[in-house]
Amino acid sequence: MEDIKRILVVSRTTKYCRKALQYGVSLAKKCGAELYVIHVVHEPFLFGGWNLPMPTLQKEYKKALDAAKKELDAVIDQEKKKGVNIKELIVEGKPTEEILKAVKKQKIDLLVMLAHEEGRFEHFLFGRSNDEIFRKLPCSVLMIKNEPQPA
């Protein structure tokens, strides 16, 4: 694993991304690698070709993103206090495109991401982009399995 110099954790800013971040931190420590976390701010109402305004759904989406981002920020801050150097990349756009751009630009050796959609709401908003990412990635991928907790 000495050839892993840069690790990128994909944060879909949902509560289930915490486990992927924990794996990324652990691997970065063990490999002596640089750790990046990418937050893709995705506005599905702009990119999805929506015809009707959906203010209630937009508000719920924003609320969910804000809560998850706050939780992930707390985890990242906690790790930074322990001396882990984490570089956050916050970008806007389509998740697949932005992740691929970051992998190439930062010369990432390992991508860490969730192996599943988190729930119906997240699936609706993010879609199934894992297959598209796999076909285009120039690096290895570690998929983290994390079953959502029942409500």
C-alpha atoms as a PDB file:
ATOM      1  CA  MET A   1       0.000   0.000   0.000  1.00  0.00           C
ATOM      2  CA  GLU A   2       3.012   2.253  -0.188  1.00  0.00           C
ATOM      3  CA  ASP A   3       1.860   3.414  -3.629  1.00  0.00           C
ATOM      4  CA  ILE A   4      -1.199   5.128  -2.112  1.00  0.00           C
ATOM      5  CA  LYS A   5      -0.149   8.762  -1.719  1.00  0.00           C
ATOM      6  CA  ARG A   6      -3.483  10.560  -2.099  1.00  0.00           C
ATOM      7  CA  ILE A   7      -6.903   9.388  -0.928  1.00  0.00           C
ATOM      8  CA  LEU A   8     -10.204  11.045  -1.815  1.00  0.00           C
ATOM      9  CA  VAL A   9     -13.332  10.400   0.259  1.00  0.00           C
ATOM     10  CA  VAL A  10     -16.612  11.176  -1.464  1.00  0.00           C
ATOM     11  CA  SER A  11     -19.044  12.929   0.837  1.00  0.00           C
ATOM     12  CA  ARG A  12     -22.547  13.114  -0.441  1.00  0.00           C
ATOM     13  CA  THR A  13     -23.229  15.210   2.640  1.00  0.00           C
ATOM     14  CA  THR A  14     -25.536  12.636   4.095  1.00  0.00           C
ATOM     15  CA  LYS A  15     -25.352  11.121   7.543  1.00  0.00           C
ATOM     16  CA  TYR A  16     -24.139   7.782   6.155  1.00  0.00           C
ATOM     17  CA  CYS A  17     -20.906   9.259   4.772  1.00  0.00           C
ATOM     18  CA  ARG A  18     -19.371   9.300   8.243  1.00  0.00           C
ATOM     19  CA  LYS A  19     -18.229   5.671   7.894  1.00  0.00           C
ATOM     20  CA  ALA A  20     -16.532   6.364   4.546  1.00  0.00           C
ATOM     21  CA  LEU A  21     -14.726   9.302   6.122  1.00  0.00           C
ATOM     22  CA  GLN A  22     -13.567   7.123   9.020  1.00  0.00           C
ATOM     23  CA  TYR A  23     -12.113   4.590   6.573  1.00  0.00           C
ATOM     24  CA  GLY A  24     -10.368   7.379   4.669  1.00  0.00           C
ATOM     25  CA  VAL A  25      -8.823   8.789   7.840  1.00  0.00           C
ATOM     26  CA  SER A  26      -7.650   5.361   8.977  1.00  0.00           C
ATOM     27  CA  LEU A  27      -6.105   4.505   5.605  1.00  0.00           C
ATOM     28  CA  ALA A  28      -4.421   7.907   5.294  1.00  0.00           C
ATOM     29  CA  LYS A  29      -2.800   7.413   8.696  1.00  0.00           C
ATOM     30  CA  LYS A  30      -1.614   3.878   7.864  1.00  0.00           C
ATOM     31  CA  CYS A  31      -0.311   4.792   4.421  1.00  0.00           C
ATOM     32  CA  GLY A  32       1.052   8.223   5.283  1.00  0.00           C
ATOM     33  CA  ALA A  33      -1.176   9.537   2.493  1.00  0.00           C
ATOM     34  CA  GLU A  34      -2.725  12.940   1.894  1.00  0.00           C
ATOM     35  CA  LEU A  35      -6.455  12.907   2.587  1.00  0.00           C
ATOM     36  CA  TYR A  36      -9.013  14.852   0.602  1.00  0.00           C
ATOM     37  CA  VAL A  37     -12.761  14.984   1.196  1.00  0.00           C
ATOM     38  CA  ILE A  38     -14.945  16.167  -1.641  1.00  0.00           C
ATOM     39  CA  HIS A  39     -18.350  17.685  -0.992  1.00  0.00           C
ATOM     40  CA  VAL A  40     -20.296  18.031  -4.221  1.00  0.00           C
ATOM     41  CA  VAL A  41     -23.041  20.590  -3.907  1.00  0.00           C
ATOM     42  CA  HIS A  42     -25.567  19.166  -6.300  1.00  0.00           C
ATOM     43  CA  GLU A  43     -28.746  21.036  -7.092  1.00  0.00           C
ATOM     44  CA  PRO A  44     -30.935  18.346  -8.685  1.00  0.00           C
ATOM     45  CA  PHE A  45     -33.639  20.888  -9.402  1.00  0.00           C
ATOM     46  CA  LEU A  46     -31.312  22.751 -11.776  1.00  0.00           C
ATOM     47  CA  PHE A  47     -29.548  19.817 -13.443  1.00  0.00           C
ATOM     48  CA  GLY A  48     -32.386  17.328 -13.608  1.00  0.00           C
ATOM     49  CA  GLY A  49     -34.594  19.124 -16.108  1.00  0.00           C
ATOM     50  CA  TRP A  50     -37.404  19.777 -13.633  1.00  0.00           C
ATOM     51  CA  ASN A  51     -40.428  21.427 -15.219  1.00  0.00           C
ATOM     52  CA  LEU A  52     -42.351  22.329 -12.078  1.00  0.00           C
ATOM     53  CA  PRO A  53     -41.136  24.365  -9.114  1.00  0.00           C
ATOM     54  CA  MET A  54     -40.955  22.191  -5.998  1.00  0.00           C
ATOM     55  CA  PRO A  55     -40.284  24.591  -3.117  1.00  0.00           C
ATOM     56  CA  THR A  56     -41.190  22.074  -0.378  1.00  0.00           C
ATOM     57  CA  LEU A  57     -38.840  19.418  -1.765  1.00  0.00           C
ATOM     58  CA  GLN A  58     -36.110  22.015  -2.273  1.00  0.00           C
ATOM     59  CA  LYS A  59     -36.439  23.140   1.353  1.00  0.00           C
ATOM     60  CA  GLU A  60     -36.264  19.555   2.626  1.00  0.00           C
ATOM     61  CA  TYR A  61     -33.231  18.895   0.441  1.00  0.00           C
ATOM     62  CA  LYS A  62     -31.450  21.992   1.758  1.00  0.00           C
ATOM     63  CA  LYS A  63     -32.334  21.110   5.341  1.00  0.00           C
ATOM     64  CA  ALA A  64     -31.001  17.554   4.951  1.00  0.00           C
ATOM     65  CA  LEU A  65     -27.783  18.798   3.323  1.00  0.00           C
ATOM     66  CA  ASP A  66     -27.193  21.401   6.027  1.00  0.00           C
ATOM     67  CA  ALA A  67     -27.658  18.891   8.852  1.00  0.00           C
ATOM     68  CA  ALA A  68     -25.403  16.288   7.250  1.00  0.00           C
ATOM     69  CA  LYS A  69     -22.732  18.858   6.390  1.00  0.00           C
ATOM     70  CA  LYS A  70     -22.737  20.067   9.991  1.00  0.00           C
ATOM     71  CA  GLU A  71     -22.232  16.508  11.263  1.00  0.00           C
ATOM     72  CA  LEU A  72     -19.427  15.792   8.776  1.00  0.00           C
ATOM     73  CA  ASP A  73     -17.747  19.100   9.605  1.00  0.00           C
ATOM     74  CA  ALA A  74     -17.708  18.080  13.264  1.00  0.00           C
ATOM     75  CA  VAL A  75     -16.035  14.765  12.389  1.00  0.00           C
ATOM     76  CA  ILE A  76     -13.487  16.482  10.138  1.00  0.00           C
ATOM     77  CA  ASP A  77     -12.724  19.103  12.801  1.00  0.00           C
ATOM     78  CA  GLN A  78     -12.264  16.363  15.394  1.00  0.00           C
ATOM     79  CA  GLU A  79      -9.759  14.558  13.147  1.00  0.00           C
ATOM     80  CA  LYS A  80      -7.921  17.800  12.379  1.00  0.00           C
ATOM     81  CA  LYS A  81      -7.518  18.396  16.122  1.00  0.00           C
ATOM     82  CA  LYS A  82      -5.859  14.965  16.313  1.00  0.00           C
ATOM     83  CA  GLY A  83      -3.335  16.128  13.731  1.00  0.00           C
ATOM     84  CA  VAL A  84      -4.840  14.590  10.613  1.00  0.00           C
ATOM     85  CA  ASN A  85      -4.366  16.875   7.615  1.00  0.00           C
ATOM     86  CA  ILE A  86      -7.638  16.848   5.674  1.00  0.00           C
ATOM     87  CA  LYS A  87      -8.110  18.980   2.593  1.00  0.00           C
ATOM     88  CA  GLU A  88     -11.736  19.724   1.822  1.00  0.00           C
ATOM     89  CA  LEU A  89     -12.845  20.266  -1.742  1.00  0.00           C
ATOM     90  CA  ILE A  90     -16.240  21.933  -2.038  1.00  0.00           C
ATOM     91  CA  VAL A  91     -17.508  22.062  -5.600  1.00  0.00           C
ATOM     92  CA  GLU A  92     -20.810  22.634  -7.361  1.00  0.00           C
ATOM     93  CA  GLY A  93     -22.083  20.549 -10.227  1.00  0.00           C
ATOM     94  CA  LYS A  94     -23.012  17.056 -11.229  1.00  0.00           C
ATOM     95  CA  PRO A  95     -21.480  14.606  -8.731  1.00  0.00           C
ATOM     96  CA  THR A  96     -19.966  12.174 -11.239  1.00  0.00           C
ATOM     97  CA  GLU A  97     -18.308  14.905 -13.290  1.00  0.00           C
ATOM     98  CA  GLU A  98     -16.937  16.763 -10.271  1.00  0.00           C
ATOM     99  CA  ILE A  99     -15.577  13.617  -8.624  1.00  0.00           C
ATOM    100  CA  LEU A 100     -13.787  12.607 -11.819  1.00  0.00           C
ATOM    101  CA  LYS A 101     -12.320  16.111 -12.206  1.00  0.00           C
ATOM    102  CA  ALA A 102     -11.025  16.047  -8.618  1.00  0.00           C
ATOM    103  CA  VAL A 103      -9.492  12.581  -9.033  1.00  0.00           C
ATOM    104  CA  LYS A 104      -7.563  13.730 -12.079  1.00  0.00           C
ATOM    105  CA  LYS A 105      -6.600  17.174 -10.780  1.00  0.00           C
ATOM    106  CA  GLN A 106      -5.395  15.956  -7.361  1.00  0.00           C
ATOM    107  CA  LYS A 107      -3.810  12.783  -8.833  1.00  0.00           C
ATOM    108  CA  ILE A 108      -5.798  10.570  -6.469  1.00  0.00           C
ATOM    109  CA  ASP A 109      -4.604   6.977  -5.992  1.00  0.00           C
ATOM    110  CA  LEU A 110      -7.612   5.670  -4.041  1.00  0.00           C
ATOM    111  CA  LEU A 111     -11.236   6.777  -4.012  1.00  0.00           C
ATOM    112  CA  VAL A 112     -13.308   5.885  -0.935  1.00  0.00           C
ATOM    113  CA  MET A 113     -17.084   6.003  -1.267  1.00  0.00           C
ATOM    114  CA  LEU A 114     -20.307   4.390  -0.150  1.00  0.00           C
ATOM    115  CA  ALA A 115     -21.349   1.164  -1.824  1.00  0.00           C
ATOM    116  CA  HIS A 116     -25.049   1.940  -1.849  1.00  0.00           C
ATOM    117  CA  GLU A 117     -27.616   4.661  -2.019  1.00  0.00           C
ATOM    118  CA  GLU A 118     -28.525   5.820   1.463  1.00  0.00           C
ATOM    119  CA  GLY A 119     -32.268   5.838   1.140  1.00  0.00           C
ATOM    120  CA  ARG A 120     -35.084   6.735  -1.210  1.00  0.00           C
ATOM    121  CA  PHE A 121     -34.666  10.472  -0.743  1.00  0.00           C
ATOM    122  CA  GLU A 122     -30.919  10.380  -1.398  1.00  0.00           C
ATOM    123  CA  HIS A 123     -31.374   7.998  -4.328  1.00  0.00           C
ATOM    124  CA  PHE A 124     -33.912  10.388  -5.804  1.00  0.00           C
ATOM    125  CA  LEU A 125     -31.521  13.322  -5.419  1.00  0.00           C
ATOM    126  CA  PHE A 126     -28.179  11.710  -6.292  1.00  0.00           C
ATOM    127  CA  GLY A 127     -29.248   8.915  -8.626  1.00  0.00           C
ATOM    128  CA  ARG A 128     -27.093   5.900  -9.314  1.00  0.00           C
ATOM    129  CA  SER A 129     -23.782   7.400 -10.295  1.00  0.00           C
ATOM    130  CA  ASN A 130     -21.454   4.673  -8.959  1.00  0.00           C
ATOM    131  CA  ASP A 131     -21.479   2.648 -12.192  1.00  0.00           C
ATOM    132  CA  GLU A 132     -20.629   5.705 -14.259  1.00  0.00           C
ATOM    133  CA  ILE A 133     -17.776   6.648 -11.930  1.00  0.00           C
ATOM    134  CA  PHE A 134     -16.292   3.115 -11.998  1.00  0.00           C
ATOM    135  CA  ARG A 135     -16.080   3.022 -15.774  1.00  0.00           C
ATOM    136  CA  LYS A 136     -14.171   6.302 -15.960  1.00  0.00           C
ATOM    137  CA  LEU A 137     -11.872   6.266 -12.909  1.00  0.00           C
ATOM    138  CA  PRO A 138      -8.100   6.129 -13.388  1.00  0.00           C
ATOM    139  CA  CYS A 139      -7.571   4.945  -9.780  1.00  0.00           C
ATOM    140  CA  SER A 140      -8.583   2.177  -7.387  1.00  0.00           C
ATOM    141  CA  VAL A 141     -11.855   2.326  -5.460  1.00  0.00           C
ATOM    142  CA  LEU A 142     -12.741   1.206  -1.948  1.00  0.00           C
ATOM    143  CA  MET A 143     -16.475   0.755  -1.528  1.00  0.00           C
ATOM    144  CA  ILE A 144     -17.770   1.058   2.023  1.00  0.00           C
ATOM    145  CA  LYS A 145     -20.855  -0.910   2.951  1.00  0.00           C
ATOM    146  CA  ASN A 146     -23.002   0.819   5.534  1.00  0.00           C
ATOM    147  CA  GLU A 147     -26.598  -0.185   6.032  1.00  0.00           C
ATOM    148  CA  PRO A 148     -28.893   2.682   6.947  1.00  0.00           C
ATOM    149  CA  GLN A 149     -30.307   2.487  10.443  1.00  0.00           C
ATOM    150  CA  PRO A 150     -34.078   1.933  10.608  1.00  0.00           C
ATOM    151  CA  ALA A 151     -36.002   5.069  11.485  1.00  0.00           C
END
